[in-house]
């Protein structure tokens, strides 16, 4: 189980995803999920959706802006459109959505439960508890506006939901998973993405058991008495030093935490910058260099001849290498989601316009490899998997480092040739 995998600053962005991109996102996103199901099983899909870094990388490889809050809404909408029409085949369905669609989650879950024989009441309760914890028990300044519940026909599930802080123009995405989940009120999140907003009340932390018990006891007291005690209480009275017993000195709360009785620790942090463009410092240039070597070096012509249409070879191979990493890569590979925007670009033109011709070729190759593997012809799927292994080998044994500025210039110089489009086109 991936627990508390980090936080990221997700700037709020306005605008909509154009249909030409939304349809491609639906198709490629569904193919990636199908490839995961075939290779690893349905449970792995839910585990990956519960990893904030993998989710952000998936959004980037699908052509969304690499760091914005819009990835959450657009990716989940694309997956809902693509997976639900194939739910019986793939065994995975997506419920809920943004705004009023989130309120339909219980109804949709009950329909799925009736179709599969699962306990609809229990599933609905899980959905409501996840929303209640993030919306009420975890008071971090973000109001929930999106809730998606992803369910497999084996009873496993994941929740992806997002809150908004309009005054700060920030969003925070929360991830839940049923995998090894023991309690909804004790470290339940597989990951929280969002910028640190300062002091928050987190009643879900494992160290907050005493606080939860005291809150329950307060509900039995007279409201007038409780309010009177609160008025007399000083800010410093809220801290409970015993909560931090056993921590190393560098893990203990600094003065800024005085007045707060919970310290949130994260292991996998992703700090998304405010700038919209992709910069060299946002990308692991050695990893990106390994992708370029894999795609363009002459000794890899066997990949081209097996997978690609003549004339689009190396550039499509670059995209397929990044897509193969999303499918076959390990968690440590997704610490720089911006790198995955070099598969097809971004809808706002960063790092370059979406290369629609390359995008369509990626869809074709991945689709063909999946269909052939269903008929026990695994050559193409093995070739895609070998792409990911080759890039890792090059990274580990050579000294590849992408020339960032030259790569951007190259992509933009060929943008028209590769069908480059933005949301303004």
Protein backbone atom coordinates (compact mmCIF):
# COMPACT_ATOMS: atom_id res chain seq x y z
CA UNK A 1 0.00 0.00 0.00
CA UNK A 2 1.30 3.49 -0.89
CA UNK A 3 0.59 5.70 2.11
CA UNK A 4 0.83 9.45 2.36
CA UNK A 5 2.96 9.72 -0.73
CA UNK A 6 3.36 13.46 -0.57
CA UNK A 7 1.98 16.85 -1.35
CA UNK A 8 2.16 19.24 -4.28
CA UNK A 9 1.17 22.77 -5.10
CA UNK A 10 -1.55 22.54 -7.72
CA UNK A 11 -2.32 26.04 -9.04
CA UNK A 12 -5.96 26.61 -9.94
CA UNK A 13 -6.43 27.00 -13.70
CA UNK A 14 -9.51 28.09 -15.58
CA UNK A 15 -10.63 26.95 -19.02
CA UNK A 16 -11.85 23.76 -20.61
CA UNK A 17 -10.24 20.85 -22.43
CA UNK A 18 -11.03 21.00 -26.18
CA UNK A 19 -12.87 18.04 -27.66
CA UNK A 20 -9.98 17.06 -29.94
CA UNK A 21 -7.83 16.51 -26.81
CA UNK A 22 -10.55 15.14 -24.51
CA UNK A 23 -11.31 12.33 -26.97
CA UNK A 24 -7.64 11.42 -27.30
CA UNK A 25 -7.22 11.49 -23.51
CA UNK A 26 -10.15 9.10 -23.17
CA UNK A 27 -8.71 6.68 -25.74
CA UNK A 28 -5.09 6.68 -24.57
CA UNK A 29 -6.00 6.75 -20.88
CA UNK A 30 -8.26 3.73 -21.31
CA UNK A 31 -5.56 1.86 -23.25
CA UNK A 32 -3.01 2.53 -20.50
CA UNK A 33 -5.43 1.21 -17.86
CA UNK A 34 -6.18 -1.83 -20.04
CA UNK A 35 -2.47 -2.54 -20.43
CA UNK A 36 -2.08 -2.38 -16.64
CA UNK A 37 -5.00 -4.76 -16.12
CA UNK A 38 -3.55 -7.26 -18.61
CA UNK A 39 -0.04 -7.05 -17.17
CA UNK A 40 -0.65 -6.66 -13.43
CA UNK A 41 -4.37 -6.99 -12.69
CA UNK A 42 -7.15 -4.66 -11.56
CA UNK A 43 -5.83 -4.14 -8.05
CA UNK A 44 -2.63 -2.61 -9.43
CA UNK A 45 -4.70 -0.03 -11.34
CA UNK A 46 -6.30 1.11 -8.10
CA UNK A 47 -2.95 1.21 -6.29
CA UNK A 48 -1.50 3.40 -9.05
CA UNK A 49 -4.48 5.76 -9.02
CA UNK A 50 -3.81 6.08 -5.29
CA UNK A 51 -0.29 7.40 -5.92
CA UNK A 52 -0.35 11.21 -6.39
CA UNK A 53 2.92 11.25 -8.34
CA UNK A 54 1.88 8.52 -10.76
CA UNK A 55 -1.49 10.24 -11.26
CA UNK A 56 0.22 13.56 -12.07
CA UNK A 57 2.55 11.79 -14.53
CA UNK A 58 -0.42 10.09 -16.21
CA UNK A 59 -2.09 13.47 -16.69
CA UNK A 60 1.07 14.92 -18.22
CA UNK A 61 1.53 12.03 -20.67
CA UNK A 62 -2.10 12.49 -21.74
CA UNK A 63 -1.42 16.09 -22.81
CA UNK A 64 -2.74 18.04 -19.82
CA UNK A 65 -0.85 20.96 -18.32
CA UNK A 66 1.84 19.31 -16.24
CA UNK A 67 1.18 21.01 -12.88
CA UNK A 68 -2.33 22.43 -12.82
CA UNK A 69 -5.35 21.39 -10.78
CA UNK A 70 -7.18 20.67 -14.03
CA UNK A 71 -5.36 17.34 -14.35
CA UNK A 72 -7.61 15.85 -11.66
CA UNK A 73 -10.92 16.75 -13.26
CA UNK A 74 -9.87 16.05 -16.84
CA UNK A 75 -8.12 12.72 -16.22
CA UNK A 76 -10.95 11.33 -14.10
CA UNK A 77 -13.55 12.47 -16.65
CA UNK A 78 -11.55 10.84 -19.45
CA UNK A 79 -11.23 7.58 -17.51
CA UNK A 80 -14.92 7.59 -16.60
CA UNK A 81 -15.92 8.00 -20.25
CA UNK A 82 -13.53 5.30 -21.43
CA UNK A 83 -13.70 2.70 -18.68
CA UNK A 84 -17.41 2.71 -17.92
CA UNK A 85 -18.38 1.72 -21.45
CA UNK A 86 -16.04 -1.28 -21.06
CA UNK A 87 -16.74 -1.98 -17.39
CA UNK A 88 -17.95 -5.56 -17.96
CA UNK A 89 -14.84 -6.37 -19.98
CA UNK A 90 -12.19 -4.68 -17.83
CA UNK A 91 -13.94 -5.02 -14.47
CA UNK A 92 -13.34 -1.38 -13.43
CA UNK A 93 -15.82 1.51 -13.28
CA UNK A 94 -15.63 5.15 -12.20
CA UNK A 95 -18.36 6.87 -10.19
CA UNK A 96 -18.88 10.51 -9.27
CA UNK A 97 -17.16 13.56 -10.67
CA UNK A 98 -17.12 17.29 -10.20
CA UNK A 99 -19.81 19.40 -8.53
CA UNK A 100 -23.29 17.96 -8.95
CA UNK A 101 -21.85 14.77 -10.45
CA UNK A 102 -20.10 14.02 -7.16
CA UNK A 103 -23.49 13.87 -5.46
CA UNK A 104 -24.54 11.08 -7.81
CA UNK A 105 -21.84 8.77 -6.46
CA UNK A 106 -24.11 6.85 -4.04
CA UNK A 107 -26.70 6.23 -6.76
CA UNK A 108 -24.03 5.04 -9.21
CA UNK A 109 -22.43 2.79 -6.60
CA UNK A 110 -25.77 1.20 -5.80
CA UNK A 111 -26.35 0.46 -9.49
CA UNK A 112 -22.94 -1.22 -9.73
CA UNK A 113 -23.59 -3.15 -6.53
CA UNK A 114 -26.92 -4.43 -7.85
CA UNK A 115 -25.19 -5.57 -11.04
CA UNK A 116 -22.30 -7.35 -9.31
CA UNK A 117 -23.81 -8.56 -6.03
CA UNK A 118 -21.50 -6.40 -3.90
CA UNK A 119 -22.63 -4.67 -0.72
CA UNK A 120 -23.87 -1.32 -2.01
CA UNK A 121 -24.50 0.09 1.45
CA UNK A 122 -20.92 -0.62 2.52
CA UNK A 123 -19.48 0.95 -0.63
CA UNK A 124 -21.64 4.05 -0.24
CA UNK A 125 -20.52 4.32 3.36
CA UNK A 126 -16.86 4.17 2.27
CA UNK A 127 -17.48 6.95 -0.26
CA UNK A 128 -19.21 9.17 2.29
CA UNK A 129 -16.59 8.56 4.96
CA UNK A 130 -13.77 9.51 2.61
CA UNK A 131 -15.53 12.73 1.69
CA UNK A 132 -16.44 13.47 5.32
CA UNK A 133 -12.88 12.99 6.57
CA UNK A 134 -11.33 15.22 3.92
CA UNK A 135 -14.14 17.76 4.08
CA UNK A 136 -14.60 17.95 7.85
CA UNK A 137 -12.10 15.99 9.95
CA UNK A 138 -9.15 17.33 7.96
CA UNK A 139 -9.62 21.10 8.10
CA UNK A 140 -6.84 22.43 5.90
CA UNK A 141 -8.59 25.34 4.18
CA UNK A 142 -9.70 23.40 1.10
CA UNK A 143 -13.36 22.79 0.29
CA UNK A 144 -14.09 19.61 -1.63
CA UNK A 145 -15.62 20.06 -5.06
CA UNK A 146 -14.73 16.76 -6.75
CA UNK A 147 -15.18 13.16 -5.64
CA UNK A 148 -14.49 10.07 -7.75
CA UNK A 149 -14.89 6.51 -6.50
CA UNK A 150 -13.14 3.90 -8.68
CA UNK A 151 -14.39 0.35 -8.11
CA UNK A 152 -13.33 -3.07 -9.39
CA UNK A 153 -15.62 -6.06 -9.68
CA UNK A 154 -13.41 -7.77 -7.10
CA UNK A 155 -14.50 -5.27 -4.46
CA UNK A 156 -11.31 -3.18 -4.34
CA UNK A 157 -11.66 0.58 -4.67
CA UNK A 158 -9.85 3.89 -4.74
CA UNK A 159 -11.01 7.46 -4.18
CA UNK A 160 -9.57 10.53 -5.88
CA UNK A 161 -11.03 13.82 -4.66
CA UNK A 162 -9.95 17.42 -4.75
CA UNK A 163 -10.51 20.55 -2.70
CA UNK A 164 -10.17 24.21 -3.58
CA UNK A 165 -8.87 27.24 -1.69
CA UNK A 166 -10.03 30.16 -3.90
CA UNK A 167 -8.37 32.86 -1.82
CA UNK A 168 -4.97 31.20 -2.27
CA UNK A 169 -5.77 30.01 -5.81
CA UNK A 170 -4.58 26.56 -4.85
CA UNK A 171 -6.02 23.04 -5.01
CA UNK A 172 -5.30 19.93 -3.00
CA UNK A 173 -5.92 16.41 -4.22
CA UNK A 174 -6.54 13.51 -1.83
CA UNK A 175 -6.06 9.81 -2.63
CA UNK A 176 -7.61 6.84 -0.83
CA UNK A 177 -7.32 3.11 -1.35
CA UNK A 178 -8.96 0.01 0.10
CA UNK A 179 -5.67 -1.88 -0.23
CA UNK A 180 -4.62 -2.80 3.34
CA UNK A 181 -6.76 0.05 4.65
CA UNK A 182 -7.42 -0.59 8.34
CA UNK A 183 -9.19 2.55 9.46
CA UNK A 184 -10.87 5.57 7.97
CA UNK A 185 -9.77 7.73 10.89
CA UNK A 186 -6.13 6.66 11.36
CA UNK A 187 -3.68 7.56 8.58
CA UNK A 188 -6.15 6.56 5.86
CA UNK A 189 -4.77 8.54 2.91
CA UNK A 190 -2.50 6.96 0.38
CA UNK A 191 -1.42 10.45 -0.54
CA UNK A 192 -2.28 14.11 -0.11
CA UNK A 193 -1.15 16.51 -2.82
CA UNK A 194 -1.20 20.19 -2.13
CA UNK A 195 0.99 23.05 -0.96
CA UNK A 196 1.61 23.36 2.76
CA UNK A 197 -0.85 26.04 3.87
CA UNK A 198 0.44 26.34 7.44
CA UNK A 199 -1.54 25.23 10.47
CA UNK A 200 -4.25 22.66 9.87
CA UNK A 201 -6.45 20.46 12.01
CA UNK A 202 -5.90 16.80 11.09
CA UNK A 203 -8.07 14.51 13.21
CA UNK A 204 -7.11 11.52 11.06
CA UNK A 205 -3.50 11.34 12.25
CA UNK A 206 -2.61 8.25 14.29
CA UNK A 207 -1.42 10.55 17.11
CA UNK A 208 -4.81 12.24 17.34
CA UNK A 209 -6.60 9.37 19.11
CA UNK A 210 -6.68 11.20 22.44
CA UNK A 211 -7.95 14.35 20.75
CA UNK A 212 -10.75 12.42 19.01
CA UNK A 213 -11.77 10.89 22.33
CA UNK A 214 -11.88 14.30 23.99
CA UNK A 215 -13.98 15.69 21.14
CA UNK A 216 -16.48 12.85 21.61
CA UNK A 217 -16.65 13.59 25.33
CA UNK A 218 -17.30 17.26 24.57
CA UNK A 219 -20.44 16.33 22.67
CA UNK A 220 -21.94 15.19 25.98
CA UNK A 221 -21.27 18.53 27.65
CA UNK A 222 -23.54 21.56 27.77
CA UNK A 223 -22.90 23.81 24.70
CA UNK A 224 -22.75 26.89 26.96
CA UNK A 225 -20.04 25.32 29.08
CA UNK A 226 -18.00 24.27 26.05
CA UNK A 227 -18.19 27.74 24.49
CA UNK A 228 -17.20 29.31 27.80
CA UNK A 229 -14.11 27.10 28.04
CA UNK A 230 -13.12 27.90 24.44
CA UNK A 231 -13.30 31.64 25.14
CA UNK A 232 -10.93 31.21 28.10
CA UNK A 233 -8.52 28.99 26.18
CA UNK A 234 -5.26 30.48 24.94
CA UNK A 235 -3.74 29.44 21.62
CA UNK A 236 -0.78 27.77 23.31
CA UNK A 237 -3.10 25.54 25.35
CA UNK A 238 -3.92 23.50 22.24
CA UNK A 239 -0.48 21.92 21.92
CA UNK A 240 -0.03 18.43 23.38
CA UNK A 241 3.75 17.86 23.79
CA UNK A 242 3.27 14.14 24.45
CA UNK A 243 2.15 13.72 20.85
CA UNK A 244 5.74 14.23 19.76
CA UNK A 245 7.42 11.86 22.23
CA UNK A 246 9.82 9.54 20.44
CA UNK A 247 10.43 11.87 17.49
CA UNK A 248 13.92 12.96 16.55
CA UNK A 249 14.73 16.61 17.18
CA UNK A 250 14.52 17.50 13.49
CA UNK A 251 11.07 15.89 13.28
CA UNK A 252 9.59 17.87 16.16
CA UNK A 253 7.39 20.89 15.41
CA UNK A 254 9.03 24.27 15.19
CA UNK A 255 7.62 27.44 16.75
CA UNK A 256 5.26 27.89 13.79
CA UNK A 257 3.40 24.76 14.94
CA UNK A 258 2.59 26.13 18.40
CA UNK A 259 -1.17 26.17 18.73
CA UNK A 260 -1.53 23.03 16.61
CA UNK A 261 -1.61 19.55 18.08
CA UNK A 262 -0.87 17.59 14.88
CA UNK A 263 2.26 17.38 12.77
CA UNK A 264 1.77 16.01 9.25
CA UNK A 265 4.78 14.15 7.85
CA UNK A 266 5.02 13.20 4.19
CA UNK A 267 7.52 10.86 2.56
CA UNK A 268 7.05 11.66 -1.14
CA UNK A 269 6.71 15.40 -1.61
CA UNK A 270 6.01 17.03 -4.96
CA UNK A 271 6.21 20.81 -4.91
CA UNK A 272 4.58 22.13 -8.05
CA UNK A 273 5.88 25.62 -8.89
CA UNK A 274 3.72 28.60 -9.77
CA UNK A 275 5.27 29.14 -13.21
CA UNK A 276 3.26 27.72 -16.08
CA UNK A 277 6.07 26.87 -18.50
CA UNK A 278 8.23 23.77 -18.11
CA UNK A 279 11.79 24.68 -17.10
CA UNK A 280 14.95 22.60 -17.06
CA UNK A 281 14.91 22.44 -13.25
CA UNK A 282 11.46 20.82 -13.36
CA UNK A 283 12.80 17.77 -15.19
CA UNK A 284 15.32 15.05 -14.41
CA UNK A 285 17.50 15.74 -17.46
CA UNK A 286 19.38 12.45 -17.16
CA UNK A 287 16.14 10.47 -17.32
CA UNK A 288 14.92 12.58 -20.21
CA UNK A 289 18.26 12.12 -21.94
CA UNK A 290 17.92 8.35 -21.63
CA UNK A 291 14.51 8.57 -23.33
CA UNK A 292 16.02 10.53 -26.23
CA UNK A 293 18.91 8.11 -26.64
CA UNK A 294 16.49 5.18 -26.68
CA UNK A 295 14.34 6.91 -29.30
CA UNK A 296 16.95 8.34 -31.65
CA UNK A 297 20.06 6.16 -31.54
CA UNK A 298 20.59 4.14 -34.73
CA UNK A 299 21.05 0.82 -32.91
CA UNK A 300 17.39 0.98 -31.89
CA UNK A 301 16.02 0.76 -35.43
CA UNK A 302 14.54 -2.61 -34.50
CA UNK A 303 12.05 -0.78 -32.30
CA UNK A 304 11.06 1.42 -35.23
CA UNK A 305 10.61 -1.40 -37.71
CA UNK A 306 8.46 -3.39 -35.32
CA UNK A 307 6.31 -0.65 -33.88
CA UNK A 308 6.06 2.37 -36.08
CA UNK A 309 4.89 3.87 -39.33
CA UNK A 310 7.86 4.91 -41.53
CA UNK A 311 8.57 8.62 -41.33
CA UNK A 312 7.40 9.16 -37.74
CA UNK A 313 9.76 6.65 -36.14
CA UNK A 314 12.09 8.34 -33.64
CA UNK A 315 9.66 11.02 -32.44
CA UNK A 316 6.87 8.51 -31.88
CA UNK A 317 9.38 6.24 -30.17
CA UNK A 318 10.09 9.09 -27.74
CA UNK A 319 6.40 9.23 -26.82
CA UNK A 320 6.07 5.47 -26.59
CA UNK A 321 9.08 5.26 -24.26
CA UNK A 322 7.40 7.66 -21.82
CA UNK A 323 4.05 5.86 -22.14
CA UNK A 324 5.79 2.52 -21.50
CA UNK A 325 7.28 3.99 -18.33
CA UNK A 326 3.81 4.97 -17.09
CA UNK A 327 2.76 1.34 -17.61
CA UNK A 328 5.86 -0.53 -16.47
CA UNK A 329 7.74 1.96 -14.27
CA UNK A 330 8.23 1.66 -10.53
CA UNK A 331 7.11 4.36 -8.03
CA UNK A 332 10.55 6.00 -7.93
CA UNK A 333 10.22 6.90 -11.62
CA UNK A 334 7.48 9.49 -11.15
CA UNK A 335 9.15 12.12 -8.99
CA UNK A 336 9.38 14.54 -11.96
CA UNK A 337 5.95 14.48 -13.65
CA UNK A 338 6.96 17.35 -15.95
CA UNK A 339 9.18 14.90 -17.87
CA UNK A 340 6.10 13.05 -19.10
CA UNK A 341 4.82 16.15 -20.85
CA UNK A 342 7.59 15.49 -23.40
CA UNK A 343 5.51 12.61 -24.72
CA UNK A 344 2.83 14.71 -26.41
CA UNK A 345 3.15 18.28 -25.09
CA UNK A 346 0.55 20.28 -23.19
CA UNK A 347 -2.77 21.86 -24.15
CA UNK A 348 -1.56 25.37 -23.23
CA UNK A 349 1.56 24.97 -25.35
CA UNK A 350 3.97 24.03 -22.55
CA UNK A 351 6.52 22.62 -23.04
CA UNK A 352 5.22 22.66 -26.64
CA UNK A 353 1.85 22.27 -28.42
CA UNK A 354 0.20 18.84 -28.32
CA UNK A 355 1.60 16.78 -31.19
CA UNK A 356 -1.66 15.25 -32.42
CA UNK A 357 -0.10 13.12 -35.16
CA UNK A 358 2.36 11.60 -32.69
CA UNK A 359 -0.47 11.19 -30.17
CA UNK A 360 -2.55 9.25 -32.71
CA UNK A 361 0.42 7.05 -33.60
CA UNK A 362 0.98 6.29 -29.91
CA UNK A 363 -2.67 5.27 -29.61
CA UNK A 364 -2.37 3.05 -32.68
CA UNK A 365 0.76 1.24 -31.54
CA UNK A 366 -0.43 0.71 -27.95
CA UNK A 367 -3.86 -0.41 -29.17
CA UNK A 368 -2.34 -2.90 -31.59
CA UNK A 369 0.01 -4.31 -28.97
CA UNK A 370 -2.91 -4.87 -26.58
CA UNK A 371 -5.08 -6.55 -29.22
CA UNK A 372 -2.25 -8.80 -30.38
CA UNK A 373 -1.41 -9.81 -26.82
CA UNK A 374 -5.03 -10.92 -26.34
CA UNK A 375 -4.47 -13.32 -29.24
CA UNK A 376 -1.27 -14.60 -27.64
CA UNK A 377 0.99 -12.58 -29.96
CA UNK A 378 3.16 -10.77 -27.43
CA UNK A 379 5.94 -9.44 -29.65
CA UNK A 380 4.72 -5.82 -29.69
CA UNK A 381 3.84 -5.70 -26.01
CA UNK A 382 7.24 -7.17 -25.14
CA UNK A 383 8.85 -4.56 -27.38
CA UNK A 384 7.08 -1.76 -25.50
CA UNK A 385 8.20 -3.23 -22.20
CA UNK A 386 11.75 -3.44 -23.54
CA UNK A 387 11.63 0.28 -24.34
CA UNK A 388 11.23 1.08 -20.66
CA UNK A 389 14.03 -1.32 -19.68
CA UNK A 390 16.33 0.11 -22.36
CA UNK A 391 15.83 3.67 -21.14
CA UNK A 392 16.63 2.60 -17.58
CA UNK A 393 19.76 0.79 -18.78
CA UNK A 394 20.97 3.84 -20.70
CA UNK A 395 20.31 6.06 -17.69
CA UNK A 396 22.24 3.74 -15.35
CA UNK A 397 25.21 2.96 -17.58
CA UNK A 398 25.74 6.05 -19.74
CA UNK A 399 25.85 9.75 -19.11
CA UNK A 400 22.83 10.99 -21.03
CA UNK A 401 21.68 14.50 -20.26
CA UNK A 402 19.12 16.20 -22.43
CA UNK A 403 19.95 19.60 -23.90
CA UNK A 404 16.75 21.15 -22.63
CA UNK A 405 16.72 24.33 -24.71
CA UNK A 406 17.69 22.49 -27.89
CA UNK A 407 14.94 19.91 -27.31
CA UNK A 408 12.27 22.58 -26.84
CA UNK A 409 13.47 24.38 -29.97
CA UNK A 410 13.42 21.11 -31.93
CA UNK A 411 9.87 20.29 -30.80
CA UNK A 412 8.54 23.72 -31.67
CA UNK A 413 10.33 23.78 -35.02
CA UNK A 414 8.52 20.55 -35.99
CA UNK A 415 5.23 21.45 -34.32
CA UNK A 416 3.31 22.05 -37.54
CA UNK A 417 4.68 18.88 -39.12
CA UNK A 418 3.57 16.84 -36.09
CA UNK A 419 0.10 18.36 -35.89
CA UNK A 420 0.83 20.69 -32.99
CA UNK A 421 -2.30 22.19 -31.37
CA UNK A 422 -3.19 24.10 -28.23
CA UNK A 423 -6.51 24.78 -26.50
CA UNK A 424 -6.60 28.11 -28.37
CA UNK A 425 -6.66 26.42 -31.80
